[in-house]
Amino acid sequence: MMKSKELRDLNTADLLQKEKSLKKELFDMRYQRKVGRVEKPARFKAIRKDIARILTVLNERKNDGK
């Protein structure tokens, strides 16, 4: 799990890349859940929270520019 401060230190391109990779990981885990072999089910919540943190930082940056 990443901290908000760590995310704010990254540039926008890195944040977008991180968001993309987390969404892919979440997609893969959902597929594994359908098949029935998820090793760490608590990771679902952590990934969703990390994505939300990234989106929050991106929105803060977008609103600061206005």
PDB file of N, CA and C in Angstrom:
ATOM      1  N   MET A   1       0.840  -1.165   0.000  1.00  0.00           N
ATOM      2  CA  MET A   1       0.000   0.000   0.000  1.00  0.00           C
ATOM      3  C   MET A   1       0.891   1.234   0.000  1.00  0.00           C
ATOM      4  N   MET A   2       0.577   2.171  -0.852  1.00  0.00           N
ATOM      5  CA  MET A   2       1.373   3.392  -0.968  1.00  0.00           C
ATOM      6  C   MET A   2       0.738   4.498  -0.140  1.00  0.00           C
ATOM      7  N   LYS A   3       1.572   5.344   0.383  1.00  0.00           N
ATOM      8  CA  LYS A   3       1.111   6.502   1.148  1.00  0.00           C
ATOM      9  C   LYS A   3       0.828   7.652   0.187  1.00  0.00           C
ATOM     10  N   SER A   4      -0.041   8.556   0.596  1.00  0.00           N
ATOM     11  CA  SER A   4      -0.375   9.710  -0.241  1.00  0.00           C
ATOM     12  C   SER A   4       0.840  10.585  -0.491  1.00  0.00           C
ATOM     13  N   LYS A   5       1.695  10.707   0.513  1.00  0.00           N
ATOM     14  CA  LYS A   5       2.899  11.529   0.355  1.00  0.00           C
ATOM     15  C   LYS A   5       3.811  10.947  -0.721  1.00  0.00           C
ATOM     16  N   GLU A   6       3.943   9.631  -0.753  1.00  0.00           N
ATOM     17  CA  GLU A   6       4.762   8.988  -1.777  1.00  0.00           C
ATOM     18  C   GLU A   6       4.179   9.234  -3.165  1.00  0.00           C
ATOM     19  N   LEU A   7       2.858   9.207  -3.262  1.00  0.00           N
ATOM     20  CA  LEU A   7       2.218   9.417  -4.555  1.00  0.00           C
ATOM     21  C   LEU A   7       2.382  10.856  -5.030  1.00  0.00           C
ATOM     22  N   ARG A   8       2.345  11.798  -4.102  1.00  0.00           N
ATOM     23  CA  ARG A   8       2.493  13.206  -4.475  1.00  0.00           C
ATOM     24  C   ARG A   8       3.905  13.501  -4.989  1.00  0.00           C
ATOM     25  N   ASP A   9       4.873  12.695  -4.596  1.00  0.00           N
ATOM     26  CA  ASP A   9       6.246  12.880  -5.060  1.00  0.00           C
ATOM     27  C   ASP A   9       6.448  12.396  -6.498  1.00  0.00           C
ATOM     28  N   LEU A  10       5.538  11.543  -6.996  1.00  0.00           N
ATOM     29  CA  LEU A  10       5.649  11.026  -8.354  1.00  0.00           C
ATOM     30  C   LEU A  10       5.099  12.045  -9.348  1.00  0.00           C
ATOM     31  N   ASN A  11       5.570  11.960 -10.599  1.00  0.00           N
ATOM     32  CA  ASN A  11       5.016  12.854 -11.614  1.00  0.00           C
ATOM     33  C   ASN A  11       3.735  12.238 -12.188  1.00  0.00           C
ATOM     34  N   THR A  12       3.028  12.997 -12.988  1.00  0.00           N
ATOM     35  CA  THR A  12       1.719  12.583 -13.494  1.00  0.00           C
ATOM     36  C   THR A  12       1.808  11.329 -14.360  1.00  0.00           C
ATOM     37  N   ALA A  13       2.827  11.238 -15.192  1.00  0.00           N
ATOM     38  CA  ALA A  13       2.972  10.067 -16.060  1.00  0.00           C
ATOM     39  C   ALA A  13       3.172   8.799 -15.231  1.00  0.00           C
ATOM     40  N   ASP A  14       3.965   8.887 -14.173  1.00  0.00           N
ATOM     41  CA  ASP A  14       4.178   7.733 -13.305  1.00  0.00           C
ATOM     42  C   ASP A  14       2.889   7.329 -12.599  1.00  0.00           C
ATOM     43  N   LEU A  15       2.112   8.319 -12.175  1.00  0.00           N
ATOM     44  CA  LEU A  15       0.843   8.020 -11.512  1.00  0.00           C
ATOM     45  C   LEU A  15      -0.125   7.316 -12.453  1.00  0.00           C
ATOM     46  N   LEU A  16      -0.196   7.791 -13.683  1.00  0.00           N
ATOM     47  CA  LEU A  16      -1.080   7.155 -14.655  1.00  0.00           C
ATOM     48  C   LEU A  16      -0.638   5.725 -14.953  1.00  0.00           C
ATOM     49  N   GLN A  17       0.668   5.511 -15.048  1.00  0.00           N
ATOM     50  CA  GLN A  17       1.190   4.159 -15.278  1.00  0.00           C
ATOM     51  C   GLN A  17       0.882   3.246 -14.099  1.00  0.00           C
ATOM     52  N   LYS A  18       1.050   3.771 -12.884  1.00  0.00           N
ATOM     53  CA  LYS A  18       0.777   2.987 -11.674  1.00  0.00           C
ATOM     54  C   LYS A  18      -0.708   2.624 -11.601  1.00  0.00           C
ATOM     55  N   GLU A  19      -1.570   3.592 -11.950  1.00  0.00           N
ATOM     56  CA  GLU A  19      -3.017   3.332 -11.944  1.00  0.00           C
ATOM     57  C   GLU A  19      -3.362   2.225 -12.935  1.00  0.00           C
ATOM     58  N   LYS A  20      -2.760   2.295 -14.113  1.00  0.00           N
ATOM     59  CA  LYS A  20      -3.019   1.287 -15.144  1.00  0.00           C
ATOM     60  C   LYS A  20      -2.594  -0.104 -14.674  1.00  0.00           C
ATOM     61  N   SER A  21      -1.431  -0.193 -14.052  1.00  0.00           N
ATOM     62  CA  SER A  21      -0.945  -1.496 -13.596  1.00  0.00           C
ATOM     63  C   SER A  21      -1.804  -2.041 -12.450  1.00  0.00           C
ATOM     64  N   LEU A  22      -2.265  -1.158 -11.569  1.00  0.00           N
ATOM     65  CA  LEU A  22      -3.131  -1.609 -10.474  1.00  0.00           C
ATOM     66  C   LEU A  22      -4.476  -2.093 -10.995  1.00  0.00           C
ATOM     67  N   LYS A  23      -5.004  -1.397 -11.986  1.00  0.00           N
ATOM     68  CA  LYS A  23      -6.285  -1.831 -12.568  1.00  0.00           C
ATOM     69  C   LYS A  23      -6.145  -3.181 -13.254  1.00  0.00           C
ATOM     70  N   LYS A  24      -4.995  -3.416 -13.903  1.00  0.00           N
ATOM     71  CA  LYS A  24      -4.758  -4.716 -14.536  1.00  0.00           C
ATOM     72  C   LYS A  24      -4.650  -5.808 -13.476  1.00  0.00           C
ATOM     73  N   GLU A  25      -3.943  -5.502 -12.392  1.00  0.00           N
ATOM     74  CA  GLU A  25      -3.806  -6.474 -11.311  1.00  0.00           C
ATOM     75  C   GLU A  25      -5.167  -6.798 -10.701  1.00  0.00           C
ATOM     76  N   LEU A  26      -6.005  -5.787 -10.527  1.00  0.00           N
ATOM     77  CA  LEU A  26      -7.347  -6.003  -9.990  1.00  0.00           C
ATOM     78  C   LEU A  26      -8.172  -6.866 -10.936  1.00  0.00           C
ATOM     79  N   PHE A  27      -8.059  -6.606 -12.235  1.00  0.00           N
ATOM     80  CA  PHE A  27      -8.762  -7.400 -13.227  1.00  0.00           C
ATOM     81  C   PHE A  27      -8.328  -8.864 -13.162  1.00  0.00           C
ATOM     82  N   ASP A  28      -7.019  -9.077 -13.084  1.00  0.00           N
ATOM     83  CA  ASP A  28      -6.490 -10.442 -13.007  1.00  0.00           C
ATOM     84  C   ASP A  28      -6.957 -11.151 -11.744  1.00  0.00           C
ATOM     85  N   MET A  29      -6.996 -10.424 -10.638  1.00  0.00           N
ATOM     86  CA  MET A  29      -7.443 -11.036  -9.390  1.00  0.00           C
ATOM     87  C   MET A  29      -8.931 -11.395  -9.443  1.00  0.00           C
ATOM     88  N   ARG A  30      -9.711 -10.556 -10.106  1.00  0.00           N
ATOM     89  CA  ARG A  30     -11.145 -10.871 -10.255  1.00  0.00           C
ATOM     90  C   ARG A  30     -11.328 -12.134 -11.080  1.00  0.00           C
ATOM     91  N   TYR A  31     -10.494 -12.295 -12.108  1.00  0.00           N
ATOM     92  CA  TYR A  31     -10.544 -13.510 -12.907  1.00  0.00           C
ATOM     93  C   TYR A  31     -10.179 -14.721 -12.057  1.00  0.00           C
ATOM     94  N   GLN A  32      -9.125 -14.586 -11.254  1.00  0.00           N
ATOM     95  CA  GLN A  32      -8.720 -15.689 -10.383  1.00  0.00           C
ATOM     96  C   GLN A  32      -9.819 -16.033  -9.386  1.00  0.00           C
ATOM     97  N   ARG A  33     -10.571 -15.023  -8.933  1.00  0.00           N
ATOM     98  CA  ARG A  33     -11.649 -15.288  -7.985  1.00  0.00           C
ATOM     99  C   ARG A  33     -12.742 -16.109  -8.653  1.00  0.00           C
ATOM    100  N   LYS A  34     -13.005 -15.829  -9.921  1.00  0.00           N
ATOM    101  CA  LYS A  34     -14.012 -16.618 -10.650  1.00  0.00           C
ATOM    102  C   LYS A  34     -13.562 -18.061 -10.800  1.00  0.00           C
ATOM    103  N   VAL A  35     -12.261 -18.243 -11.033  1.00  0.00           N
ATOM    104  CA  VAL A  35     -11.726 -19.598 -11.169  1.00  0.00           C
ATOM    105  C   VAL A  35     -11.678 -20.275  -9.804  1.00  0.00           C
ATOM    106  N   GLY A  36     -11.512 -19.457  -8.749  1.00  0.00           N
ATOM    107  CA  GLY A  36     -11.569 -20.005  -7.410  1.00  0.00           C
ATOM    108  C   GLY A  36     -10.238 -20.170  -6.711  1.00  0.00           C
ATOM    109  N   ARG A  37      -9.227 -19.415  -7.092  1.00  0.00           N
ATOM    110  CA  ARG A  37      -7.943 -19.581  -6.425  1.00  0.00           C
ATOM    111  C   ARG A  37      -7.241 -18.244  -6.168  1.00  0.00           C
ATOM    112  N   VAL A  38      -7.825 -17.444  -5.300  1.00  0.00           N
ATOM    113  CA  VAL A  38      -7.210 -16.181  -4.906  1.00  0.00           C
ATOM    114  C   VAL A  38      -6.425 -16.432  -3.623  1.00  0.00           C
ATOM    115  N   GLU A  39      -5.137 -16.087  -3.648  1.00  0.00           N
ATOM    116  CA  GLU A  39      -4.290 -16.348  -2.488  1.00  0.00           C
ATOM    117  C   GLU A  39      -4.474 -15.303  -1.393  1.00  0.00           C
ATOM    118  N   LYS A  40      -4.587 -14.034  -1.777  1.00  0.00           N
ATOM    119  CA  LYS A  40      -4.710 -12.963  -0.788  1.00  0.00           C
ATOM    120  C   LYS A  40      -5.960 -12.139  -1.073  1.00  0.00           C
ATOM    121  N   PRO A  41      -7.110 -12.533  -0.564  1.00  0.00           N
ATOM    122  CA  PRO A  41      -8.338 -11.792  -0.853  1.00  0.00           C
ATOM    123  C   PRO A  41      -8.341 -10.378  -0.272  1.00  0.00           C
ATOM    124  N   ALA A  42      -7.551 -10.112   0.757  1.00  0.00           N
ATOM    125  CA  ALA A  42      -7.497  -8.770   1.329  1.00  0.00           C
ATOM    126  C   ALA A  42      -6.824  -7.791   0.375  1.00  0.00           C
ATOM    127  N   ARG A  43      -6.103  -8.294  -0.606  1.00  0.00           N
ATOM    128  CA  ARG A  43      -5.415  -7.443  -1.575  1.00  0.00           C
ATOM    129  C   ARG A  43      -6.407  -6.654  -2.434  1.00  0.00           C
ATOM    130  N   PHE A  44      -7.649  -7.177  -2.617  1.00  0.00           N
ATOM    131  CA  PHE A  44      -8.663  -6.466  -3.387  1.00  0.00           C
ATOM    132  C   PHE A  44      -8.886  -5.071  -2.803  1.00  0.00           C
ATOM    133  N   LYS A  45      -9.084  -5.007  -1.508  1.00  0.00           N
ATOM    134  CA  LYS A  45      -9.361  -3.747  -0.835  1.00  0.00           C
ATOM    135  C   LYS A  45      -8.158  -2.810  -0.929  1.00  0.00           C
ATOM    136  N   ALA A  46      -6.972  -3.342  -0.751  1.00  0.00           N
ATOM    137  CA  ALA A  46      -5.762  -2.525  -0.802  1.00  0.00           C
ATOM    138  C   ALA A  46      -5.569  -1.919  -2.198  1.00  0.00           C
ATOM    139  N   ILE A  47      -5.820  -2.709  -3.233  1.00  0.00           N
ATOM    140  CA  ILE A  47      -5.662  -2.215  -4.598  1.00  0.00           C
ATOM    141  C   ILE A  47      -6.678  -1.111  -4.879  1.00  0.00           C
ATOM    142  N   ARG A  48      -7.918  -1.320  -4.482  1.00  0.00           N
ATOM    143  CA  ARG A  48      -8.951  -0.301  -4.706  1.00  0.00           C
ATOM    144  C   ARG A  48      -8.608   1.000  -3.988  1.00  0.00           C
ATOM    145  N   LYS A  49      -8.079   0.895  -2.780  1.00  0.00           N
ATOM    146  CA  LYS A  49      -7.705   2.097  -2.030  1.00  0.00           C
ATOM    147  C   LYS A  49      -6.522   2.808  -2.688  1.00  0.00           C
ATOM    148  N   ASP A  50      -5.548   2.046  -3.188  1.00  0.00           N
ATOM    149  CA  ASP A  50      -4.414   2.658  -3.873  1.00  0.00           C
ATOM    150  C   ASP A  50      -4.874   3.396  -5.130  1.00  0.00           C
ATOM    151  N   ILE A  51      -5.791   2.792  -5.880  1.00  0.00           N
ATOM    152  CA  ILE A  51      -6.321   3.447  -7.076  1.00  0.00           C
ATOM    153  C   ILE A  51      -7.034   4.739  -6.688  1.00  0.00           C
ATOM    154  N   ALA A  52      -7.809   4.701  -5.614  1.00  0.00           N
ATOM    155  CA  ALA A  52      -8.514   5.900  -5.149  1.00  0.00           C
ATOM    156  C   ALA A  52      -7.531   6.988  -4.734  1.00  0.00           C
ATOM    157  N   ARG A  53      -6.451   6.617  -4.081  1.00  0.00           N
ATOM    158  CA  ARG A  53      -5.436   7.598  -3.688  1.00  0.00           C
ATOM    159  C   ARG A  53      -4.802   8.255  -4.920  1.00  0.00           C
ATOM    160  N   ILE A  54      -4.495   7.446  -5.914  1.00  0.00           N
ATOM    161  CA  ILE A  54      -3.892   7.965  -7.138  1.00  0.00           C
ATOM    162  C   ILE A  54      -4.846   8.937  -7.821  1.00  0.00           C
ATOM    163  N   LEU A  55      -6.114   8.556  -7.924  1.00  0.00           N
ATOM    164  CA  LEU A  55      -7.093   9.429  -8.565  1.00  0.00           C
ATOM    165  C   LEU A  55      -7.269  10.722  -7.784  1.00  0.00           C
ATOM    166  N   THR A  56      -7.197  10.658  -6.473  1.00  0.00           N
ATOM    167  CA  THR A  56      -7.303  11.859  -5.644  1.00  0.00           C
ATOM    168  C   THR A  56      -6.155  12.811  -5.921  1.00  0.00           C
ATOM    169  N   VAL A  57      -4.943  12.282  -5.972  1.00  0.00           N
ATOM    170  CA  VAL A  57      -3.772  13.124  -6.244  1.00  0.00           C
ATOM    171  C   VAL A  57      -3.879  13.737  -7.641  1.00  0.00           C
ATOM    172  N   LEU A  58      -4.319  12.950  -8.625  1.00  0.00           N
ATOM    173  CA  LEU A  58      -4.459  13.479  -9.981  1.00  0.00           C
ATOM    174  C   LEU A  58      -5.505  14.585 -10.034  1.00  0.00           C
ATOM    175  N   ASN A  59      -6.624  14.414  -9.333  1.00  0.00           N
ATOM    176  CA  ASN A  59      -7.653  15.441  -9.298  1.00  0.00           C
ATOM    177  C   ASN A  59      -7.174  16.695  -8.580  1.00  0.00           C
ATOM    178  N   GLU A  60      -6.389  16.526  -7.538  1.00  0.00           N
ATOM    179  CA  GLU A  60      -5.825  17.694  -6.839  1.00  0.00           C
ATOM    180  C   GLU A  60      -4.939  18.496  -7.796  1.00  0.00           C
ATOM    181  N   ARG A  61      -4.127  17.789  -8.562  1.00  0.00           N
ATOM    182  CA  ARG A  61      -3.240  18.477  -9.496  1.00  0.00           C
ATOM    183  C   ARG A  61      -4.039  19.186 -10.589  1.00  0.00           C
ATOM    184  N   LYS A  62      -5.098  18.531 -11.055  1.00  0.00           N
ATOM    185  CA  LYS A  62      -5.917  19.123 -12.101  1.00  0.00           C
ATOM    186  C   LYS A  62      -6.603  20.389 -11.584  1.00  0.00           C
ATOM    187  N   ASN A  63      -7.098  20.353 -10.357  1.00  0.00           N
ATOM    188  CA  ASN A  63      -7.804  21.496  -9.797  1.00  0.00           C
ATOM    189  C   ASN A  63      -6.859  22.619  -9.413  1.00  0.00           C
ATOM    190  N   ASP A  64      -5.616  22.314  -9.084  1.00  0.00           N
ATOM    191  CA  ASP A  64      -4.638  23.353  -8.771  1.00  0.00           C
ATOM    192  C   ASP A  64      -4.298  24.164 -10.005  1.00  0.00           C
ATOM    193  N   GLY A  65      -4.359  23.568 -11.171  1.00  0.00           N
ATOM    194  CA  GLY A  65      -4.030  24.247 -12.403  1.00  0.00           C
ATOM    195  C   GLY A  65      -5.093  25.240 -12.846  1.00  0.00           C
ATOM    196  N   LYS A  66      -6.290  25.117 -12.312  1.00  0.00           N
ATOM    197  CA  LYS A  66      -7.396  26.010 -12.731  1.00  0.00           C
ATOM    198  C   LYS A  66      -7.402  27.291 -11.960  1.00  0.00           C
TER     199      LYS A  66
END
